[in-house]
C-alpha atoms as a PDB file:
ATOM      1  CA  MET A   1      31.461  78.268  25.794  1.00  0.00           C
ATOM      2  CA  GLU A   2      33.784  77.282  22.960  1.00  0.00           C
ATOM      3  CA  SER A   3      32.165  77.721  19.568  1.00  0.00           C
ATOM      4  CA  LYS A   4      32.098  74.903  17.072  1.00  0.00           C
ATOM      5  CA  PRO A   5      34.812  75.212  14.409  1.00  0.00           C
ATOM      6  CA  ASP A   6      34.045  75.190  10.719  1.00  0.00           C
ATOM      7  CA  THR A   7      33.317  71.584   9.747  1.00  0.00           C
ATOM      8  CA  ILE A   8      32.092  69.427   6.941  1.00  0.00           C
ATOM      9  CA  LYS A   9      30.286  66.138   7.516  1.00  0.00           C
ATOM     10  CA  VAL A  10      30.698  63.056   5.334  1.00  0.00           C
ATOM     11  CA  SER A  11      29.149  59.597   5.544  1.00  0.00           C
ATOM     12  CA  ALA A  12      30.650  56.307   4.441  1.00  0.00           C
ATOM     13  CA  ASN A  13      29.161  52.838   4.191  1.00  0.00           C
ATOM     14  CA  TYR A  14      30.848  49.485   3.746  1.00  0.00           C
ATOM     15  CA  ARG A  15      29.317  46.029   3.523  1.00  0.00           C
ATOM     16  CA  GLU A  16      30.838  42.596   3.064  1.00  0.00           C
ATOM     17  CA  GLU A  17      29.315  39.136   2.942  1.00  0.00           C
ATOM     18  CA  ILE A  18      31.227  36.577   4.991  1.00  0.00           C
ATOM     19  CA  TYR A  19      30.689  32.841   5.231  1.00  0.00           C
ATOM     20  CA  ALA A  20      30.600  30.650   8.309  1.00  0.00           C
ATOM     21  CA  ASN A  21      33.765  28.616   8.826  1.00  0.00           C
ATOM     22  CA  HIS A  22      32.416  26.265  11.493  1.00  0.00           C
ATOM     23  CA  ALA A  23      29.197  25.565  13.377  1.00  0.00           C
ATOM     24  CA  ASN A  24      27.811  24.318  16.682  1.00  0.00           C
ATOM     25  CA  LEU A  25      24.870  21.913  16.562  1.00  0.00           C
ATOM     26  CA  PHE A  26      22.594  21.888  19.605  1.00  0.00           C
ATOM     27  CA  VAL A  27      20.874  18.538  20.001  1.00  0.00           C
ATOM     28  CA  THR A  28      18.531  17.053  22.595  1.00  0.00           C
ATOM     29  CA  VAL A  29      18.433  13.312  23.209  1.00  0.00           C
ATOM     30  CA  LYS A  30      15.558  11.673  25.078  1.00  0.00           C
ATOM     31  CA  GLY A  31      17.027   8.987  27.344  1.00  0.00           C
ATOM     32  CA  SER A  32      15.188   6.145  29.080  1.00  0.00           C
ATOM     33  CA  SER A  33      17.314   6.488  32.223  1.00  0.00           C
ATOM     34  CA  LEU A  34      18.874   9.282  34.246  1.00  0.00           C
ATOM     35  CA  ILE A  35      22.668   9.418  34.355  1.00  0.00           C
ATOM     36  CA  SER A  36      24.441  12.607  35.342  1.00  0.00           C
ATOM     37  CA  GLY A  37      27.896  13.963  34.557  1.00  0.00           C
ATOM     38  CA  ASN A  38      30.257  12.745  31.868  1.00  0.00           C
ATOM     39  CA  GLU A  39      29.207   9.145  32.506  1.00  0.00           C
ATOM     40  CA  ALA A  40      26.099   9.885  30.479  1.00  0.00           C
ATOM     41  CA  MET A  41      28.196   9.911  27.314  1.00  0.00           C
ATOM     42  CA  GLN A  42      28.967   6.207  27.788  1.00  0.00           C
ATOM     43  CA  LYS A  43      26.193   4.871  30.041  1.00  0.00           C
ATOM     44  CA  ALA A  44      23.078   6.631  28.781  1.00  0.00           C
ATOM     45  CA  LYS A  45      22.167   4.266  25.951  1.00  0.00           C
ATOM     46  CA  GLU A  46      20.550   6.795  23.633  1.00  0.00           C
ATOM     47  CA  VAL A  47      23.307   9.351  24.093  1.00  0.00           C
ATOM     48  CA  ASN A  48      26.011   6.755  23.581  1.00  0.00           C
ATOM     49  CA  GLN A  49      24.376   5.570  20.357  1.00  0.00           C
ATOM     50  CA  LEU A  50      24.565   9.080  18.942  1.00  0.00           C
ATOM     51  CA  VAL A  51      28.137   9.641  20.147  1.00  0.00           C
ATOM     52  CA  GLU A  52      29.283   6.331  18.628  1.00  0.00           C
ATOM     53  CA  ALA A  53      27.611   7.168  15.321  1.00  0.00           C
ATOM     54  CA  LEU A  54      29.319  10.573  15.224  1.00  0.00           C
ATOM     55  CA  THR A  55      32.761   9.290  16.210  1.00  0.00           C
ATOM     56  CA  GLY A  56      32.354   6.358  13.834  1.00  0.00           C
ATOM     57  CA  PHE A  57      31.917   8.902  11.056  1.00  0.00           C
ATOM     58  CA  GLY A  58      35.209  10.501  12.097  1.00  0.00           C
ATOM     59  CA  LEU A  59      34.206  13.293  14.469  1.00  0.00           C
ATOM     60  CA  SER A  60      36.522  13.729  17.446  1.00  0.00           C
ATOM     61  CA  PRO A  61      35.018  12.682  20.824  1.00  0.00           C
ATOM     62  CA  ASP A  62      36.130  16.087  22.129  1.00  0.00           C
ATOM     63  CA  ALA A  63      33.712  17.728  19.688  1.00  0.00           C
ATOM     64  CA  VAL A  64      30.687  16.403  21.596  1.00  0.00           C
ATOM     65  CA  HIS A  65      29.879  18.100  24.911  1.00  0.00           C
ATOM     66  CA  LEU A  66      27.126  17.376  27.417  1.00  0.00           C
ATOM     67  CA  GLN A  67      25.701  20.761  28.408  1.00  0.00           C
ATOM     68  CA  GLY A  68      22.954  19.694  30.768  1.00  0.00           C
ATOM     69  CA  VAL A  69      20.370  17.117  31.778  1.00  0.00           C
ATOM     70  CA  ARG A  70      16.674  17.700  32.450  1.00  0.00           C
ATOM     71  CA  ILE A  71      14.751  15.134  34.469  1.00  0.00           C
ATOM     72  CA  GLU A  72      11.416  13.816  33.254  1.00  0.00           C
ATOM     73  CA  THR A  73       9.187  12.258  35.914  1.00  0.00           C
ATOM     74  CA  ALA A  74       5.419  11.873  36.031  1.00  0.00           C
ATOM     75  CA  SER A  75       5.169  10.967  39.724  1.00  0.00           C
ATOM     76  CA  GLY A  76       7.221  13.868  41.019  1.00  0.00           C
ATOM     77  CA  ALA A  77       9.609  11.441  42.703  1.00  0.00           C
ATOM     78  CA  LEU A  78      13.225  11.275  41.555  1.00  0.00           C
ATOM     79  CA  LEU A  79      14.120   7.699  40.707  1.00  0.00           C
ATOM     80  CA  LYS A  80      17.172   6.145  39.111  1.00  0.00           C
ATOM     81  CA  SER A  81      14.866   4.867  36.384  1.00  0.00           C
ATOM     82  CA  SER A  82      13.511   8.348  35.630  1.00  0.00           C
ATOM     83  CA  SER A  83      13.839   9.378  32.010  1.00  0.00           C
ATOM     84  CA  ALA A  84      15.863  12.426  31.056  1.00  0.00           C
ATOM     85  CA  ILE A  85      16.503  14.906  28.269  1.00  0.00           C
ATOM     86  CA  TYR A  86      20.210  15.295  27.504  1.00  0.00           C
ATOM     87  CA  HIS A  87      21.401  18.547  25.942  1.00  0.00           C
ATOM     88  CA  LEU A  88      24.444  18.165  23.693  1.00  0.00           C
ATOM     89  CA  LYS A  89      26.587  20.615  21.762  1.00  0.00           C
ATOM     90  CA  ILE A  90      28.358  19.177  18.733  1.00  0.00           C
ATOM     91  CA  ARG A  91      31.144  21.238  17.178  1.00  0.00           C
ATOM     92  CA  CYS A  92      31.517  20.894  13.420  1.00  0.00           C
ATOM     93  CA  GLU A  93      34.927  22.256  12.389  1.00  0.00           C
ATOM     94  CA  LYS A  94      34.621  21.234   8.732  1.00  0.00           C
ATOM     95  CA  LEU A  95      31.434  22.474   7.136  1.00  0.00           C
ATOM     96  CA  ASP A  96      31.791  20.055   4.256  1.00  0.00           C
ATOM     97  CA  GLN A  97      30.902  17.382   6.858  1.00  0.00           C
ATOM     98  CA  LEU A  98      27.797  19.196   8.081  1.00  0.00           C
ATOM     99  CA  ALA A  99      25.271  17.489   5.813  1.00  0.00           C
ATOM    100  CA  ALA A 100      26.538  14.053   6.879  1.00  0.00           C
ATOM    101  CA  LEU A 101      26.363  15.015  10.572  1.00  0.00           C
ATOM    102  CA  LEU A 102      22.782  16.203  10.133  1.00  0.00           C
ATOM    103  CA  ASP A 103      21.955  12.909   8.447  1.00  0.00           C
ATOM    104  CA  ILE A 104      23.428  10.991  11.409  1.00  0.00           C
ATOM    105  CA  ILE A 105      21.441  13.044  13.935  1.00  0.00           C
ATOM    106  CA  ALA A 106      18.228  12.592  11.937  1.00  0.00           C
ATOM    107  CA  SER A 107      18.743   8.813  11.876  1.00  0.00           C
ATOM    108  CA  GLN A 108      18.658   8.643  15.703  1.00  0.00           C
ATOM    109  CA  LYS A 109      14.994   8.324  16.675  1.00  0.00           C
ATOM    110  CA  ASN A 110      15.553   9.832  20.145  1.00  0.00           C
ATOM    111  CA  ALA A 111      17.622  12.797  18.946  1.00  0.00           C
ATOM    112  CA  THR A 112      16.331  16.198  17.853  1.00  0.00           C
ATOM    113  CA  LEU A 113      18.306  19.021  16.298  1.00  0.00           C
ATOM    114  CA  GLU A 114      17.229  22.185  18.137  1.00  0.00           C
ATOM    115  CA  ARG A 115      19.317  24.790  16.356  1.00  0.00           C
ATOM    116  CA  ILE A 116      22.568  25.541  14.557  1.00  0.00           C
ATOM    117  CA  GLU A 117      24.895  28.285  15.742  1.00  0.00           C
ATOM    118  CA  TRP A 118      26.999  29.511  12.834  1.00  0.00           C
ATOM    119  CA  LYS A 119      30.478  30.851  13.570  1.00  0.00           C
ATOM    120  CA  TYR A 120      32.272  33.368  11.359  1.00  0.00           C
ATOM    121  CA  PRO A 121      35.704  34.987  10.944  1.00  0.00           C
ATOM    122  CA  GLU A 122      33.968  38.251  11.803  1.00  0.00           C
ATOM    123  CA  GLU A 123      36.654  40.057  13.798  1.00  0.00           C
ATOM    124  CA  SER A 124      38.976  40.396  10.812  1.00  0.00           C
ATOM    125  CA  ALA A 125      36.019  41.298   8.577  1.00  0.00           C
ATOM    126  CA  ARG A 126      34.951  44.108  10.943  1.00  0.00           C
ATOM    127  CA  GLU A 127      38.509  45.469  11.099  1.00  0.00           C
ATOM    128  CA  HIS A 128      38.774  45.398   7.312  1.00  0.00           C
ATOM    129  CA  GLY A 129      35.347  47.030   7.007  1.00  0.00           C
ATOM    130  CA  LEU A 130      36.291  49.859   9.375  1.00  0.00           C
ATOM    131  CA  GLU A 131      39.534  50.520   7.504  1.00  0.00           C
ATOM    132  CA  ALA A 132      37.700  50.548   4.168  1.00  0.00           C
ATOM    133  CA  ALA A 133      34.973  52.883   5.453  1.00  0.00           C
ATOM    134  CA  ILE A 134      37.546  55.295   6.916  1.00  0.00           C
ATOM    135  CA  ALA A 135      39.411  55.387   3.596  1.00  0.00           C
ATOM    136  CA  GLN A 136      36.116  56.011   1.801  1.00  0.00           C
ATOM    137  CA  ALA A 137      35.205  58.856   4.192  1.00  0.00           C
ATOM    138  CA  LYS A 138      38.618  60.444   3.869  1.00  0.00           C
ATOM    139  CA  GLY A 139      38.517  60.314   0.076  1.00  0.00           C
ATOM    140  CA  LYS A 140      35.043  61.849   0.040  1.00  0.00           C
ATOM    141  CA  ALA A 141      36.099  64.593   2.489  1.00  0.00           C
ATOM    142  CA  ASN A 142      39.092  65.513   0.312  1.00  0.00           C
ATOM    143  CA  LYS A 143      36.836  65.897  -2.734  1.00  0.00           C
ATOM    144  CA  VAL A 144      34.277  67.975  -0.824  1.00  0.00           C
ATOM    145  CA  ALA A 145      36.988  70.212   0.656  1.00  0.00           C
ATOM    146  CA  ALA A 146      38.554  70.771  -2.753  1.00  0.00           C
ATOM    147  CA  ALA A 147      35.177  71.650  -4.251  1.00  0.00           C
ATOM    148  CA  LEU A 148      34.474  74.109  -1.429  1.00  0.00           C
ATOM    149  CA  GLY A 149      37.939  75.656  -1.540  1.00  0.00           C
ATOM    150  CA  VAL A 150      38.923  74.756   2.045  1.00  0.00           C
ATOM    151  CA  LYS A 151      41.581  72.600   3.665  1.00  0.00           C
ATOM    152  CA  LEU A 152      41.045  69.662   5.992  1.00  0.00           C
ATOM    153  CA  LEU A 153      42.555  70.438   9.398  1.00  0.00           C
ATOM    154  CA  GLY A 154      41.581  67.318  11.350  1.00  0.00           C
ATOM    155  CA  VAL A 155      38.681  65.252  12.673  1.00  0.00           C
ATOM    156  CA  TYR A 156      36.153  67.047  14.903  1.00  0.00           C
ATOM    157  CA  ASP A 157      33.822  64.088  15.553  1.00  0.00           C
ATOM    158  CA  PHE A 158      33.627  60.447  14.533  1.00  0.00           C
ATOM    159  CA  ILE A 159      30.631  58.093  14.873  1.00  0.00           C
ATOM    160  CA  GLU A 160      30.733  54.424  13.927  1.00  0.00           C
ATOM    161  CA  ASN A 161      27.707  52.147  13.646  1.00  0.00           C
ATOM    162  CA  ALA A 162      28.427  48.497  12.862  1.00  0.00           C
ATOM    163  CA  TYR A 163      25.952  45.637  12.716  1.00  0.00           C
ATOM    164  CA  ASP A 164      25.497  42.177  11.231  1.00  0.00           C
ATOM    165  CA  GLU A 165      22.678  41.048   8.955  1.00  0.00           C
ATOM    166  CA  GLU A 166      22.258  37.284   8.969  1.00  0.00           C
ATOM    167  CA  ARG A 167      20.057  35.606   6.429  1.00  0.00           C
ATOM    168  CA  PRO A 168      17.280  33.213   7.576  1.00  0.00           C
ATOM    169  CA  VAL A 169      17.911  29.507   8.133  1.00  0.00           C
ATOM    170  CA  PRO A 170      17.472  27.612   4.819  1.00  0.00           C
ATOM    171  CA  MET A 171      14.075  25.967   4.397  1.00  0.00           C
ATOM    172  CA  PRO A 172      15.425  22.371   4.254  1.00  0.00           C
ATOM    173  CA  MET A 173      16.972  22.968   7.695  1.00  0.00           C
ATOM    174  CA  GLN A 174      13.747  24.427   9.100  1.00  0.00           C
ATOM    175  CA  ALA A 175      11.838  21.418   7.807  1.00  0.00           C
ATOM    176  CA  MET A 176      14.308  19.059   9.437  1.00  0.00           C
ATOM    177  CA  MET A 177      14.038  20.817  12.790  1.00  0.00           C
ATOM    178  CA  MET A 178      10.220  20.775  12.706  1.00  0.00           C
ATOM    179  CA  LYS A 179       9.636  17.198  11.545  1.00  0.00           C
ATOM    180  CA  SER A 180       8.774  14.478  14.010  1.00  0.00           C
ATOM    181  CA  ARG A 181      10.958  11.400  14.364  1.00  0.00           C
ATOM    182  CA  ALA A 182       8.249   9.308  12.662  1.00  0.00           C
ATOM    183  CA  GLU A 183       8.247  11.613   9.656  1.00  0.00           C
ATOM    184  CA  MET A 184      12.043  11.547   9.502  1.00  0.00           C
ATOM    185  CA  ALA A 185      12.032   7.745   9.376  1.00  0.00           C
ATOM    186  CA  ASP A 186      10.338   7.837   5.962  1.00  0.00           C
ATOM    187  CA  ALA A 187      12.201  10.903   4.704  1.00  0.00           C
ATOM    188  CA  PRO A 188      15.031  10.623   2.160  1.00  0.00           C
ATOM    189  CA  SER A 189      18.640  11.063   3.208  1.00  0.00           C
ATOM    190  CA  LEU A 190      19.539  14.636   4.138  1.00  0.00           C
ATOM    191  CA  GLU A 191      22.861  14.577   2.319  1.00  0.00           C
ATOM    192  CA  MET A 192      23.191  18.139   1.023  1.00  0.00           C
ATOM    193  CA  ASP A 193      25.688  20.940   0.795  1.00  0.00           C
ATOM    194  CA  ILE A 194      24.938  23.557   3.448  1.00  0.00           C
ATOM    195  CA  GLN A 195      26.654  26.908   3.873  1.00  0.00           C
ATOM    196  CA  HIS A 196      25.599  30.018   5.726  1.00  0.00           C
ATOM    197  CA  SER A 197      26.531  33.652   5.409  1.00  0.00           C
ATOM    198  CA  LYS A 198      25.878  37.031   6.927  1.00  0.00           C
ATOM    199  CA  THR A 199      26.626  40.588   5.887  1.00  0.00           C
ATOM    200  CA  ILE A 200      28.851  42.882   7.923  1.00  0.00           C
ATOM    201  CA  HIS A 201      27.760  46.535   7.754  1.00  0.00           C
ATOM    202  CA  VAL A 202      29.963  49.449   8.835  1.00  0.00           C
ATOM    203  CA  ASN A 203      28.490  52.965   8.711  1.00  0.00           C
ATOM    204  CA  LEU A 204      30.512  56.072   9.554  1.00  0.00           C
ATOM    205  CA  GLU A 205      29.692  59.731  10.094  1.00  0.00           C
ATOM    206  CA  VAL A 206      32.796  61.917  10.277  1.00  0.00           C
ATOM    207  CA  TRP A 207      32.952  65.663  10.914  1.00  0.00           C
ATOM    208  CA  TYR A 208      36.176  67.172   9.600  1.00  0.00           C
ATOM    209  CA  ARG A 209      37.511  70.483  10.829  1.00  0.00           C
ATOM    210  CA  VAL A 210      38.293  72.758   7.911  1.00  0.00           C
ATOM    211  CA  SER A 211      39.909  76.118   7.339  1.00  0.00           C
ATOM    212  CA  GLU A 212      37.602  79.130   7.235  1.00  0.00           C
ATOM    213  CA  PHE A 213      35.426  79.138   4.181  1.00  0.00           C
ATOM    214  CA  GLY A 214      36.876  81.457   1.609  1.00  0.00           C
ATOM    215  CA  ASN A 215      40.380  81.381   3.225  1.00  0.00           C
ATOM    216  CA  THR A 216      42.577  78.686   1.697  1.00  0.00           C
END
């Protein structure tokens, strides 16, 4: 079995906070009638009211997608008059419009914001983080090798561990998602600046092959 060469091990850590650059809003709308397919956007009264309010604000119609419909029936029989829950995804490309969009959704008594999915420019941040951590590891290895009187010959092993740390949803948003429609009717306008961030972590462990200790 081949013996392990002389090595030194160094660790490097990099972290960077990045901010969301757009968001998806997931909304449910309780409708008084059941209409399936894309027709629901125009013919389901409660859905259409929300869509018109959003597009009237300036949001593109293409930014609102119907993801699914759930039937509500007490009798167990499927009728055309059966009520339904419509699941919508609303894409917000400009986060400076987010507070206004939340205000519009809150003003619709049949609409409920279920959650917000924040989207980040994370691919470039991860690449930058990996490059920075590698440079940090290499610089540390050079210093250790010089102090020990050996030369770096190459990389023997390389382990990367990357993860994201996202901060909790802001309290005003949690309150909005938990309030009933009746409570929202008496609540003040939700006009506010909202931004969200998460931290990219990149951790490295690198084993460098070195010349024999004592032989430089």
